[in-house]
């Protein structure tokens, strides 16, 4: 939001209030959700899109500051954690996913 305000976009002052900003935990949650939903599994595409939307990078894709760079490192881990969760959730065959827990896969019977 601060980036948009600097560019001169009409922004409600309430949007810049500290209580309306996203915490690091919320940002990491968004990246983890994106990992679960990304079918192609491309971190670079998700990073480019989501980090720009959240204001962590500039128009060239570079981190705006050190805190944003550290957040993006954690976001990459969260993204791959979401990918791993999705892979384990939608498995086929005898597996150890969260649904099957070592039994024959629930998806294999369908």
Protein backbone atom coordinates (compact mmCIF):
# COMPACT_ATOMS: atom_id res chain seq x y z
CA UNK A 1 0.00 0.00 0.00
CA UNK A 2 2.85 2.37 0.78
CA UNK A 3 4.27 1.75 -2.69
CA UNK A 4 0.94 2.63 -4.27
CA UNK A 5 0.69 5.77 -2.15
CA UNK A 6 4.17 6.85 -3.29
CA UNK A 7 3.07 6.40 -6.89
CA UNK A 8 0.14 8.73 -6.26
CA UNK A 9 -2.72 6.25 -6.28
CA UNK A 10 -5.83 7.33 -4.38
CA UNK A 11 -5.68 5.33 -1.15
CA UNK A 12 -7.81 5.47 1.95
CA UNK A 13 -5.63 6.57 4.90
CA UNK A 14 -7.09 3.70 6.95
CA UNK A 15 -5.35 1.23 4.63
CA UNK A 16 -1.96 2.55 5.76
CA UNK A 17 -2.75 2.13 9.47
CA UNK A 18 -0.51 -0.39 11.29
CA UNK A 19 -3.44 -2.57 12.35
CA UNK A 20 -4.45 -3.05 8.69
CA UNK A 21 -1.06 -4.30 7.54
CA UNK A 22 -0.43 -7.99 6.99
CA UNK A 23 1.85 -9.75 9.42
CA UNK A 24 4.68 -11.98 8.28
CA UNK A 25 2.65 -15.01 9.37
CA UNK A 26 -0.25 -13.98 7.13
CA UNK A 27 2.11 -13.40 4.20
CA UNK A 28 3.71 -16.82 4.66
CA UNK A 29 0.25 -18.35 4.82
CA UNK A 30 -0.57 -16.83 1.44
CA UNK A 31 2.58 -18.32 -0.07
CA UNK A 32 1.79 -21.71 1.45
CA UNK A 33 -1.73 -21.56 0.00
CA UNK A 34 -0.24 -20.64 -3.37
CA UNK A 35 2.01 -23.70 -3.10
CA UNK A 36 -1.00 -25.91 -2.53
CA UNK A 37 -2.81 -24.41 -5.51
CA UNK A 38 0.10 -24.13 -7.96
CA UNK A 39 -0.27 -27.10 -10.27
CA UNK A 40 2.91 -26.46 -12.25
CA UNK A 41 5.02 -26.01 -9.10
CA UNK A 42 6.92 -22.99 -10.37
CA UNK A 43 8.27 -20.88 -7.52
CA UNK A 44 9.51 -18.14 -9.84
CA UNK A 45 6.02 -17.48 -11.22
CA UNK A 46 4.37 -17.43 -7.80
CA UNK A 47 7.15 -15.25 -6.39
CA UNK A 48 6.84 -12.75 -9.20
CA UNK A 49 3.06 -12.45 -8.95
CA UNK A 50 2.37 -12.71 -5.23
CA UNK A 51 5.39 -10.82 -3.89
CA UNK A 52 4.60 -7.86 -6.17
CA UNK A 53 0.97 -7.88 -5.04
CA UNK A 54 2.09 -7.87 -1.40
CA UNK A 55 4.67 -5.12 -1.99
CA UNK A 56 7.74 -7.19 -1.17
CA UNK A 57 9.51 -6.48 -4.48
CA UNK A 58 9.80 -3.56 -6.88
CA UNK A 59 8.79 -3.55 -10.54
CA UNK A 60 12.05 -5.33 -11.48
CA UNK A 61 11.44 -8.17 -9.04
CA UNK A 62 14.10 -7.11 -6.52
CA UNK A 63 13.38 -7.07 -2.79
CA UNK A 64 12.55 -3.61 -1.54
CA UNK A 65 14.58 -4.02 1.67
CA UNK A 66 16.36 -6.59 3.85
CA UNK A 67 13.22 -7.48 5.78
CA UNK A 68 11.39 -8.24 2.53
CA UNK A 69 14.32 -10.37 1.35
CA UNK A 70 14.23 -12.42 4.56
CA UNK A 71 10.46 -12.75 4.26
CA UNK A 72 10.85 -14.04 0.71
CA UNK A 73 13.35 -16.66 1.88
CA UNK A 74 10.79 -17.87 4.40
CA UNK A 75 8.06 -17.59 1.76
CA UNK A 76 9.97 -19.97 -0.51
CA UNK A 77 10.04 -22.54 2.27
CA UNK A 78 6.32 -22.00 2.91
CA UNK A 79 5.59 -22.40 -0.81
CA UNK A 80 7.40 -25.74 -1.00
CA UNK A 81 5.76 -26.85 2.25
CA UNK A 82 2.40 -26.20 0.59
CA UNK A 83 3.55 -28.13 -2.50
CA UNK A 84 4.55 -31.07 -0.34
CA UNK A 85 1.23 -30.98 1.50
CA UNK A 86 -0.74 -30.98 -1.77
CA UNK A 87 1.34 -33.84 -3.14
CA UNK A 88 0.78 -35.91 -0.02
CA UNK A 89 -2.89 -35.05 0.10
CA UNK A 90 -3.74 -36.10 -3.46
CA UNK A 91 -1.82 -39.34 -3.78
CA UNK A 92 -2.54 -42.60 -5.58
CA UNK A 93 -1.57 -46.05 -4.37
CA UNK A 94 -0.30 -47.37 -1.07
CA UNK A 95 1.25 -44.42 0.66
CA UNK A 96 1.76 -42.47 3.85
CA UNK A 97 -0.22 -39.37 2.98
CA UNK A 98 -2.29 -37.49 5.53
CA UNK A 99 -5.52 -39.19 4.49
CA UNK A 100 -4.33 -42.77 4.04
CA UNK A 101 -1.89 -43.02 6.95
CA UNK A 102 -0.19 -46.12 5.60
CA UNK A 103 -3.34 -47.97 4.58
CA UNK A 104 -4.29 -48.47 0.95
CA UNK A 105 -4.89 -45.12 -0.68
CA UNK A 106 -8.41 -43.69 -0.46
CA UNK A 107 -8.13 -42.32 -3.99
CA UNK A 108 -7.13 -45.67 -5.52
CA UNK A 109 -10.54 -47.21 -4.78
CA UNK A 110 -12.41 -44.59 -6.82
